[in-house]
C-alpha atoms as a PDB file:
ATOM      1  CA  MET A   1      -2.382 -13.017 -16.729  1.00  0.00           C
ATOM      2  CA  LYS A   2      -6.169 -12.996 -16.464  1.00  0.00           C
ATOM      3  CA  LYS A   3      -8.276 -14.168 -19.379  1.00  0.00           C
ATOM      4  CA  LEU A   4      -8.669 -11.294 -21.836  1.00  0.00           C
ATOM      5  CA  LYS A   5     -11.344 -10.514 -24.367  1.00  0.00           C
ATOM      6  CA  ARG A   6     -10.114 -10.601 -27.948  1.00  0.00           C
ATOM      7  CA  SER A   7     -10.095  -6.807 -28.244  1.00  0.00           C
ATOM      8  CA  GLU A   8      -8.040  -6.569 -25.042  1.00  0.00           C
ATOM      9  CA  ARG A   9      -5.726  -9.328 -26.250  1.00  0.00           C
ATOM     10  CA  LEU A  10      -5.080  -7.487 -29.516  1.00  0.00           C
ATOM     11  CA  VAL A  11      -4.086  -4.332 -27.645  1.00  0.00           C
ATOM     12  CA  ASP A  12      -1.770  -6.183 -25.272  1.00  0.00           C
ATOM     13  CA  MET A  13      -0.251  -8.268 -28.072  1.00  0.00           C
ATOM     14  CA  THR A  14       0.432  -5.158 -30.152  1.00  0.00           C
ATOM     15  CA  GLN A  15       2.157  -3.472 -27.215  1.00  0.00           C
ATOM     16  CA  TYR A  16       4.211  -6.619 -26.595  1.00  0.00           C
ATOM     17  CA  LEU A  17       5.405  -6.698 -30.207  1.00  0.00           C
ATOM     18  CA  LEU A  18       6.217  -2.974 -30.259  1.00  0.00           C
ATOM     19  CA  SER A  19       8.334  -3.343 -27.121  1.00  0.00           C
ATOM     20  CA  GLU A  20      10.318  -6.281 -28.547  1.00  0.00           C
ATOM     21  CA  PRO A  21      11.390  -5.278 -32.084  1.00  0.00           C
ATOM     22  CA  HIS A  22      13.596  -7.649 -34.088  1.00  0.00           C
ATOM     23  CA  THR A  23      12.879 -10.420 -31.559  1.00  0.00           C
ATOM     24  CA  LEU A  24      11.487 -13.807 -32.555  1.00  0.00           C
ATOM     25  CA  ILE A  25       8.461 -14.590 -30.377  1.00  0.00           C
ATOM     26  CA  SER A  26       6.951 -18.063 -30.552  1.00  0.00           C
ATOM     27  CA  LEU A  27       3.222 -18.659 -30.878  1.00  0.00           C
ATOM     28  CA  THR A  28       3.520 -20.769 -27.730  1.00  0.00           C
ATOM     29  CA  THR A  29       4.610 -17.675 -25.792  1.00  0.00           C
ATOM     30  CA  PHE A  30       1.441 -15.844 -26.793  1.00  0.00           C
ATOM     31  CA  ALA A  31      -0.774 -18.918 -26.340  1.00  0.00           C
ATOM     32  CA  GLU A  32       0.459 -19.401 -22.773  1.00  0.00           C
ATOM     33  CA  ARG A  33       0.347 -15.675 -22.011  1.00  0.00           C
ATOM     34  CA  TYR A  34      -3.314 -15.364 -22.990  1.00  0.00           C
ATOM     35  CA  GLY A  35      -4.535 -18.914 -22.383  1.00  0.00           C
ATOM     36  CA  ALA A  36      -5.695 -19.115 -25.991  1.00  0.00           C
ATOM     37  CA  ALA A  37      -5.370 -21.634 -28.808  1.00  0.00           C
ATOM     38  CA  LYS A  38      -2.564 -21.111 -31.319  1.00  0.00           C
ATOM     39  CA  SER A  39      -5.155 -20.877 -34.086  1.00  0.00           C
ATOM     40  CA  SER A  40      -6.733 -17.885 -32.321  1.00  0.00           C
ATOM     41  CA  ILE A  41      -3.305 -16.314 -31.819  1.00  0.00           C
ATOM     42  CA  SER A  42      -2.561 -16.734 -35.533  1.00  0.00           C
ATOM     43  CA  GLU A  43      -5.804 -14.942 -36.408  1.00  0.00           C
ATOM     44  CA  ASP A  44      -4.920 -12.099 -34.030  1.00  0.00           C
ATOM     45  CA  LEU A  45      -1.462 -11.746 -35.555  1.00  0.00           C
ATOM     46  CA  ALA A  46      -2.957 -11.599 -39.052  1.00  0.00           C
ATOM     47  CA  ILE A  47      -5.076  -8.615 -37.956  1.00  0.00           C
ATOM     48  CA  ILE A  48      -2.089  -6.862 -36.368  1.00  0.00           C
ATOM     49  CA  LYS A  49       0.058  -7.557 -39.431  1.00  0.00           C
ATOM     50  CA  GLU A  50      -2.523  -5.937 -41.705  1.00  0.00           C
ATOM     51  CA  VAL A  51      -2.793  -2.833 -39.507  1.00  0.00           C
ATOM     52  CA  PHE A  52       0.992  -2.461 -39.243  1.00  0.00           C
ATOM     53  CA  GLU A  53       1.366  -2.584 -43.014  1.00  0.00           C
ATOM     54  CA  ASP A  54      -1.626  -0.336 -43.775  1.00  0.00           C
ATOM     55  CA  GLU A  55      -0.466   2.312 -41.287  1.00  0.00           C
ATOM     56  CA  GLY A  56       3.194   2.145 -42.323  1.00  0.00           C
ATOM     57  CA  MET A  57       4.313   0.995 -38.873  1.00  0.00           C
ATOM     58  CA  GLY A  58       6.496  -1.851 -40.080  1.00  0.00           C
ATOM     59  CA  GLU A  59       6.367  -5.526 -40.907  1.00  0.00           C
ATOM     60  CA  LEU A  60       5.311  -8.588 -38.959  1.00  0.00           C
ATOM     61  CA  GLN A  61       7.398 -11.471 -40.246  1.00  0.00           C
ATOM     62  CA  THR A  62       6.231 -15.048 -39.736  1.00  0.00           C
ATOM     63  CA  LEU A  63       8.695 -17.918 -39.477  1.00  0.00           C
ATOM     64  CA  ALA A  64       7.276 -21.418 -39.858  1.00  0.00           C
ATOM     65  CA  GLY A  65       8.434 -24.585 -38.129  1.00  0.00           C
ATOM     66  CA  ALA A  66       8.974 -25.805 -34.586  1.00  0.00           C
ATOM     67  CA  ALA A  67      11.411 -22.984 -33.835  1.00  0.00           C
ATOM     68  CA  GLY A  68       9.302 -20.416 -35.661  1.00  0.00           C
ATOM     69  CA  GLY A  69       7.154 -17.543 -34.519  1.00  0.00           C
ATOM     70  CA  VAL A  70       6.701 -13.868 -35.354  1.00  0.00           C
ATOM     71  CA  LYS A  71       9.092 -10.946 -35.446  1.00  0.00           C
ATOM     72  CA  TYR A  72       8.187  -7.254 -35.562  1.00  0.00           C
ATOM     73  CA  ILE A  73      10.436  -5.159 -37.835  1.00  0.00           C
ATOM     74  CA  PRO A  74       9.906  -1.389 -37.344  1.00  0.00           C
ATOM     75  CA  LYS A  75       9.832   0.420 -40.673  1.00  0.00           C
ATOM     76  CA  LEU A  76       8.825   3.905 -41.738  1.00  0.00           C
ATOM     77  CA  ARG A  77       7.447   4.579 -45.199  1.00  0.00           C
ATOM     78  CA  LYS A  78       9.554   6.889 -47.368  1.00  0.00           C
ATOM     79  CA  ASP A  79       6.800   9.519 -47.565  1.00  0.00           C
ATOM     80  CA  HIS A  80       6.524   9.596 -43.765  1.00  0.00           C
ATOM     81  CA  ALA A  81      10.308   9.839 -43.502  1.00  0.00           C
ATOM     82  CA  LEU A  82      10.326  12.755 -45.947  1.00  0.00           C
ATOM     83  CA  SER A  83       7.695  14.578 -43.886  1.00  0.00           C
ATOM     84  CA  PHE A  84       9.920  14.143 -40.843  1.00  0.00           C
ATOM     85  CA  ALA A  85      12.984  15.420 -42.737  1.00  0.00           C
ATOM     86  CA  GLN A  86      11.089  18.490 -43.934  1.00  0.00           C
ATOM     87  CA  GLU A  87       9.978  19.251 -40.378  1.00  0.00           C
ATOM     88  CA  LEU A  88      13.567  18.824 -39.180  1.00  0.00           C
ATOM     89  CA  CYS A  89      14.827  21.174 -41.908  1.00  0.00           C
ATOM     90  CA  HIS A  90      12.235  23.768 -40.918  1.00  0.00           C
ATOM     91  CA  LYS A  91      13.382  23.673 -37.290  1.00  0.00           C
ATOM     92  CA  LEU A  92      17.057  23.840 -38.245  1.00  0.00           C
ATOM     93  CA  GLN A  93      16.463  26.909 -40.413  1.00  0.00           C
ATOM     94  CA  GLN A  94      15.368  29.079 -37.486  1.00  0.00           C
ATOM     95  CA  SER A  95      17.680  32.104 -37.603  1.00  0.00           C
ATOM     96  CA  ASP A  96      18.328  32.173 -33.848  1.00  0.00           C
ATOM     97  CA  ARG A  97      20.244  28.883 -34.188  1.00  0.00           C
ATOM     98  CA  ILE A  98      23.270  30.639 -35.693  1.00  0.00           C
ATOM     99  CA  LEU A  99      26.198  30.732 -33.267  1.00  0.00           C
ATOM    100  CA  PRO A 100      29.426  32.765 -33.513  1.00  0.00           C
ATOM    101  CA  GLY A 101      31.711  31.290 -36.149  1.00  0.00           C
ATOM    102  CA  GLY A 102      28.816  30.118 -38.311  1.00  0.00           C
ATOM    103  CA  TYR A 103      28.017  27.098 -36.142  1.00  0.00           C
ATOM    104  CA  LEU A 104      24.473  25.795 -35.703  1.00  0.00           C
ATOM    105  CA  TYR A 105      22.790  25.176 -32.341  1.00  0.00           C
ATOM    106  CA  MET A 106      21.238  21.676 -32.331  1.00  0.00           C
ATOM    107  CA  SER A 107      21.317  20.514 -28.707  1.00  0.00           C
ATOM    108  CA  ASP A 108      17.616  21.185 -28.101  1.00  0.00           C
ATOM    109  CA  LEU A 109      16.620  19.011 -31.063  1.00  0.00           C
ATOM    110  CA  LEU A 110      18.983  16.223 -30.025  1.00  0.00           C
ATOM    111  CA  GLY A 111      17.316  16.270 -26.610  1.00  0.00           C
ATOM    112  CA  GLU A 112      13.789  15.975 -28.010  1.00  0.00           C
ATOM    113  CA  PRO A 113      12.720  12.310 -27.563  1.00  0.00           C
ATOM    114  CA  SER A 114       9.970  12.278 -30.208  1.00  0.00           C
ATOM    115  CA  LEU A 115      12.326  13.737 -32.814  1.00  0.00           C
ATOM    116  CA  MET A 116      15.149  11.315 -32.029  1.00  0.00           C
ATOM    117  CA  ASN A 117      12.767   8.345 -31.932  1.00  0.00           C
ATOM    118  CA  GLU A 118      11.519   9.190 -35.414  1.00  0.00           C
ATOM    119  CA  ALA A 119      15.067   9.601 -36.739  1.00  0.00           C
ATOM    120  CA  GLY A 120      16.005   6.322 -35.069  1.00  0.00           C
ATOM    121  CA  LYS A 121      13.093   4.603 -36.783  1.00  0.00           C
ATOM    122  CA  ILE A 122      14.295   5.850 -40.181  1.00  0.00           C
ATOM    123  CA  PHE A 123      17.797   4.491 -39.585  1.00  0.00           C
ATOM    124  CA  ALA A 124      16.289   1.233 -38.322  1.00  0.00           C
ATOM    125  CA  THR A 125      14.321   1.060 -41.586  1.00  0.00           C
ATOM    126  CA  VAL A 126      17.364   1.721 -43.766  1.00  0.00           C
ATOM    127  CA  PHE A 127      19.615  -0.795 -42.011  1.00  0.00           C
ATOM    128  CA  ALA A 128      16.993  -3.390 -41.018  1.00  0.00           C
ATOM    129  CA  ASP A 129      18.505  -6.138 -43.175  1.00  0.00           C
ATOM    130  CA  CYS A 130      22.188  -5.442 -42.462  1.00  0.00           C
ATOM    131  CA  ASP A 131      22.658  -8.060 -39.720  1.00  0.00           C
ATOM    132  CA  ILE A 132      23.927  -5.523 -37.170  1.00  0.00           C
ATOM    133  CA  ASP A 133      25.322  -6.460 -33.746  1.00  0.00           C
ATOM    134  CA  VAL A 134      25.757  -3.031 -32.110  1.00  0.00           C
ATOM    135  CA  VAL A 135      25.143   0.672 -32.680  1.00  0.00           C
ATOM    136  CA  MET A 136      28.163   2.928 -32.157  1.00  0.00           C
ATOM    137  CA  THR A 137      28.594   6.671 -31.681  1.00  0.00           C
ATOM    138  CA  VAL A 138      31.176   9.033 -30.236  1.00  0.00           C
ATOM    139  CA  GLU A 139      30.413  11.041 -27.117  1.00  0.00           C
ATOM    140  CA  THR A 140      28.454  13.176 -26.528  1.00  0.00           C
ATOM    141  CA  LYS A 141      25.871  14.802 -28.797  1.00  0.00           C
ATOM    142  CA  GLY A 142      25.227  11.692 -30.872  1.00  0.00           C
ATOM    143  CA  ILE A 143      24.223   9.617 -27.841  1.00  0.00           C
ATOM    144  CA  PRO A 144      20.429  10.302 -27.902  1.00  0.00           C
ATOM    145  CA  LEU A 145      20.251   9.433 -31.608  1.00  0.00           C
ATOM    146  CA  ALA A 146      22.295   6.258 -31.112  1.00  0.00           C
ATOM    147  CA  TYR A 147      20.038   5.044 -28.301  1.00  0.00           C
ATOM    148  CA  ALA A 148      16.887   5.869 -30.283  1.00  0.00           C
ATOM    149  CA  THR A 149      18.214   3.872 -33.242  1.00  0.00           C
ATOM    150  CA  ALA A 150      19.354   0.982 -31.051  1.00  0.00           C
ATOM    151  CA  ALA A 151      15.939   0.823 -29.360  1.00  0.00           C
ATOM    152  CA  GLN A 152      14.249   0.309 -32.742  1.00  0.00           C
ATOM    153  CA  LEU A 153      16.771  -2.399 -33.660  1.00  0.00           C
ATOM    154  CA  ASN A 154      16.790  -3.909 -30.139  1.00  0.00           C
ATOM    155  CA  LEU A 155      20.589  -3.703 -29.996  1.00  0.00           C
ATOM    156  CA  PRO A 156      23.206  -2.483 -27.491  1.00  0.00           C
ATOM    157  CA  VAL A 157      25.022   0.847 -27.838  1.00  0.00           C
ATOM    158  CA  VAL A 158      28.805   1.252 -27.796  1.00  0.00           C
ATOM    159  CA  LEU A 159      30.220   4.680 -26.893  1.00  0.00           C
ATOM    160  CA  VAL A 160      33.585   5.843 -28.192  1.00  0.00           C
ATOM    161  CA  ARG A 161      35.372   8.210 -25.796  1.00  0.00           C
ATOM    162  CA  ARG A 162      37.411  11.227 -26.806  1.00  0.00           C
ATOM    163  CA  ASP A 163      39.472  10.757 -23.633  1.00  0.00           C
ATOM    164  CA  HIS A 164      40.156   7.407 -22.006  1.00  0.00           C
ATOM    165  CA  GLN A 165      38.345   6.912 -18.693  1.00  0.00           C
ATOM    166  CA  VAL A 166      39.991   4.819 -15.971  1.00  0.00           C
ATOM    167  CA  THR A 167      36.592   3.263 -15.205  1.00  0.00           C
ATOM    168  CA  GLU A 168      36.543   1.786 -18.721  1.00  0.00           C
ATOM    169  CA  GLY A 169      39.474  -0.529 -18.017  1.00  0.00           C
ATOM    170  CA  SER A 170      41.940  -1.454 -20.738  1.00  0.00           C
ATOM    171  CA  ALA A 171      41.196   0.412 -23.966  1.00  0.00           C
ATOM    172  CA  VAL A 172      42.300   0.789 -27.564  1.00  0.00           C
ATOM    173  CA  SER A 173      43.177   4.373 -28.514  1.00  0.00           C
ATOM    174  CA  ILE A 174      43.912   5.841 -31.931  1.00  0.00           C
ATOM    175  CA  ASN A 175      44.711   9.236 -33.384  1.00  0.00           C
ATOM    176  CA  TYR A 176      42.548  10.559 -36.184  1.00  0.00           C
ATOM    177  CA  VAL A 177      42.601  13.639 -38.383  1.00  0.00           C
ATOM    178  CA  SER A 178      39.684  16.061 -38.326  1.00  0.00           C
ATOM    179  CA  GLY A 179      38.369  16.247 -41.870  1.00  0.00           C
ATOM    180  CA  SER A 180      37.504  19.937 -41.629  1.00  0.00           C
ATOM    181  CA  HIS A 181      40.375  21.444 -39.629  1.00  0.00           C
ATOM    182  CA  LYS A 182      43.067  18.828 -40.394  1.00  0.00           C
ATOM    183  CA  SER A 183      43.960  18.729 -36.695  1.00  0.00           C
ATOM    184  CA  ILE A 184      44.862  15.534 -34.830  1.00  0.00           C
ATOM    185  CA  HIS A 185      42.567  14.177 -32.108  1.00  0.00           C
ATOM    186  CA  THR A 186      42.357  11.002 -30.037  1.00  0.00           C
ATOM    187  CA  MET A 187      39.500   8.557 -29.487  1.00  0.00           C
ATOM    188  CA  SER A 188      39.374   5.353 -27.471  1.00  0.00           C
ATOM    189  CA  LEU A 189      37.165   2.337 -26.895  1.00  0.00           C
ATOM    190  CA  SER A 190      37.231  -0.099 -23.997  1.00  0.00           C
ATOM    191  CA  ARG A 191      38.383  -3.578 -24.985  1.00  0.00           C
ATOM    192  CA  ARG A 192      35.342  -4.964 -23.148  1.00  0.00           C
ATOM    193  CA  ALA A 193      32.880  -2.791 -25.062  1.00  0.00           C
ATOM    194  CA  LEU A 194      32.999  -4.604 -28.387  1.00  0.00           C
ATOM    195  CA  LYS A 195      33.447  -8.220 -29.405  1.00  0.00           C
ATOM    196  CA  GLU A 196      35.778  -9.006 -32.261  1.00  0.00           C
ATOM    197  CA  ARG A 197      34.207  -9.373 -35.701  1.00  0.00           C
ATOM    198  CA  SER A 198      31.061  -7.495 -34.682  1.00  0.00           C
ATOM    199  CA  ARG A 199      29.009  -5.801 -37.378  1.00  0.00           C
ATOM    200  CA  VAL A 200      28.581  -2.178 -36.362  1.00  0.00           C
ATOM    201  CA  LEU A 201      26.178   0.590 -37.329  1.00  0.00           C
ATOM    202  CA  ILE A 202      27.814   3.998 -36.791  1.00  0.00           C
ATOM    203  CA  VAL A 203      25.405   6.846 -35.986  1.00  0.00           C
ATOM    204  CA  ASP A 204      26.254  10.509 -35.412  1.00  0.00           C
ATOM    205  CA  ASP A 205      24.425  13.815 -35.153  1.00  0.00           C
ATOM    206  CA  PHE A 206      26.568  15.835 -37.582  1.00  0.00           C
ATOM    207  CA  MET A 207      29.161  15.186 -40.257  1.00  0.00           C
ATOM    208  CA  LYS A 208      31.266  17.804 -41.998  1.00  0.00           C
ATOM    209  CA  ALA A 209      34.148  16.171 -43.866  1.00  0.00           C
ATOM    210  CA  GLY A 210      33.772  12.837 -42.075  1.00  0.00           C
ATOM    211  CA  GLY A 211      36.996  12.806 -40.052  1.00  0.00           C
ATOM    212  CA  THR A 212      35.379  11.693 -36.794  1.00  0.00           C
ATOM    213  CA  ILE A 213      33.404   8.899 -38.434  1.00  0.00           C
ATOM    214  CA  GLN A 214      36.463   7.767 -40.383  1.00  0.00           C
ATOM    215  CA  GLY A 215      38.261   7.668 -37.033  1.00  0.00           C
ATOM    216  CA  MET A 216      35.578   5.307 -35.710  1.00  0.00           C
ATOM    217  CA  VAL A 217      35.959   3.166 -38.820  1.00  0.00           C
ATOM    218  CA  ASP A 218      39.717   2.944 -38.192  1.00  0.00           C
ATOM    219  CA  LEU A 219      39.087   2.150 -34.522  1.00  0.00           C
ATOM    220  CA  LEU A 220      36.789  -0.718 -35.493  1.00  0.00           C
ATOM    221  CA  ALA A 221      39.590  -2.206 -37.574  1.00  0.00           C
ATOM    222  CA  GLU A 222      41.551  -2.662 -34.327  1.00  0.00           C
ATOM    223  CA  PHE A 223      38.749  -4.979 -33.159  1.00  0.00           C
ATOM    224  CA  ASN A 224      38.525  -6.793 -36.503  1.00  0.00           C
ATOM    225  CA  ALA A 225      34.984  -5.421 -36.600  1.00  0.00           C
ATOM    226  CA  GLU A 226      33.035  -4.544 -39.724  1.00  0.00           C
ATOM    227  CA  VAL A 227      31.113  -1.379 -40.561  1.00  0.00           C
ATOM    228  CA  ALA A 228      27.573  -2.418 -41.480  1.00  0.00           C
ATOM    229  CA  GLY A 229      26.441   1.142 -42.210  1.00  0.00           C
ATOM    230  CA  VAL A 230      26.755   4.827 -41.332  1.00  0.00           C
ATOM    231  CA  GLY A 231      23.860   7.164 -40.563  1.00  0.00           C
ATOM    232  CA  VAL A 232      24.061  10.898 -39.798  1.00  0.00           C
ATOM    233  CA  LEU A 233      21.250  13.219 -38.832  1.00  0.00           C
ATOM    234  CA  LEU A 234      22.739  16.283 -40.534  1.00  0.00           C
ATOM    235  CA  GLU A 235      25.590  16.549 -43.027  1.00  0.00           C
ATOM    236  CA  SER A 236      27.375  19.633 -44.265  1.00  0.00           C
ATOM    237  CA  GLY A 237      26.813  20.303 -47.938  1.00  0.00           C
ATOM    238  CA  ALA A 238      29.592  22.890 -47.990  1.00  0.00           C
ATOM    239  CA  VAL A 239      32.282  20.213 -48.331  1.00  0.00           C
ATOM    240  CA  GLU A 240      33.458  19.207 -51.805  1.00  0.00           C
ATOM    241  CA  SER A 241      33.070  15.495 -52.518  1.00  0.00           C
ATOM    242  CA  GLU A 242      36.815  15.031 -53.024  1.00  0.00           C
ATOM    243  CA  GLU A 243      37.452  16.545 -49.569  1.00  0.00           C
ATOM    244  CA  ARG A 244      34.993  14.241 -47.843  1.00  0.00           C
ATOM    245  CA  LEU A 245      36.749  11.357 -46.126  1.00  0.00           C
ATOM    246  CA  LEU A 246      33.638   9.180 -46.183  1.00  0.00           C
ATOM    247  CA  GLN A 247      31.461   8.449 -49.205  1.00  0.00           C
ATOM    248  CA  ASP A 248      29.171   5.605 -48.136  1.00  0.00           C
ATOM    249  CA  TYR A 249      26.653   6.981 -45.630  1.00  0.00           C
ATOM    250  CA  ILE A 250      22.998   7.948 -45.176  1.00  0.00           C
ATOM    251  CA  SER A 251      21.990  11.469 -44.119  1.00  0.00           C
ATOM    252  CA  LEU A 252      18.523  12.728 -43.187  1.00  0.00           C
ATOM    253  CA  ALA A 253      19.236  16.441 -43.717  1.00  0.00           C
ATOM    254  CA  ARG A 254      21.884  18.532 -45.477  1.00  0.00           C
ATOM    255  CA  LEU A 255      23.122  21.920 -44.290  1.00  0.00           C
ATOM    256  CA  SER A 256      23.867  23.865 -47.477  1.00  0.00           C
ATOM    257  CA  ASP A 257      24.592  27.351 -46.170  1.00  0.00           C
ATOM    258  CA  VAL A 258      24.799  29.459 -43.011  1.00  0.00           C
ATOM    259  CA  ASP A 259      24.876  33.201 -43.691  1.00  0.00           C
ATOM    260  CA  SER A 260      25.634  34.893 -40.376  1.00  0.00           C
ATOM    261  CA  LYS A 261      25.230  38.368 -41.868  1.00  0.00           C
ATOM    262  CA  SER A 262      21.725  37.880 -43.257  1.00  0.00           C
ATOM    263  CA  LYS A 263      20.764  35.322 -40.576  1.00  0.00           C
ATOM    264  CA  MET A 264      19.785  32.849 -43.295  1.00  0.00           C
ATOM    265  CA  ILE A 265      20.177  29.079 -42.936  1.00  0.00           C
ATOM    266  CA  THR A 266      19.573  26.683 -45.823  1.00  0.00           C
ATOM    267  CA  VAL A 267      18.797  23.060 -44.946  1.00  0.00           C
ATOM    268  CA  ASN A 268      17.374  20.420 -47.298  1.00  0.00           C
ATOM    269  CA  PRO A 269      16.468  16.726 -46.959  1.00  0.00           C
ATOM    270  CA  GLY A 270      19.559  14.496 -46.982  1.00  0.00           C
ATOM    271  CA  ASN A 271      20.873  11.918 -49.422  1.00  0.00           C
ATOM    272  CA  TYR A 272      18.505   9.192 -48.174  1.00  0.00           C
ATOM    273  CA  PHE A 273      15.778  10.875 -50.209  1.00  0.00           C
ATOM    274  CA  GLU A 274      17.918  10.925 -53.347  1.00  0.00           C
ATOM    275  CA  LYS A 275      18.294   7.142 -53.465  1.00  0.00           C
END
């Protein structure tokens, strides 16, 4: 790389850190990249650290010693997260989202990169210190949210299938009970997809009674894996707590009521903002 002015170096260094979240980067890496002294690099990082913290972009952690360096941890301030949740609630309350049977149309929001990236950043903030190995979701609607979350944590994504695919090779399959309809379904995961004893963050777009997520929890037990956390974009508030199969989770929005007759939808910020 050509010799950069300090202002140019700060821009490039910031972009480098943003593209490598949760990754330890040595001062030597930056010194060699920019042909600068480590003391100058340290001064640059101090400036970036201050801006990140002032703007609520996250933390820049410094690790001392020969094997040390810096690590960027994406984090979103609670007030910024609440603003996002309120915007999400507003979009979900549009009356034309009501589908026959009282269902809610969400596919357009799940396909909106900026929205999913922001939701992913909130989950990355919540579970930043949980020592996670992989992010898991079940096909198909939760996939954009899972990848957005994994990108902020710099982790791989594991997809649970509802039907076993021959291209997945040998797989573990289980039956699970739908929490809302009490019907039996099947889900499977390739044996190659997940290492034993992994710590897993489960992410999904919607949770009613929690049957699907509980199914993923049971599936993880077959791999001797551990659930590090559960995050859902939208939960149903119409389910009584004793009927919910899952109690320990984080939600960003809560669907309280869908009135098909009056075309009224009530959505409020989720339980993350009650903690």
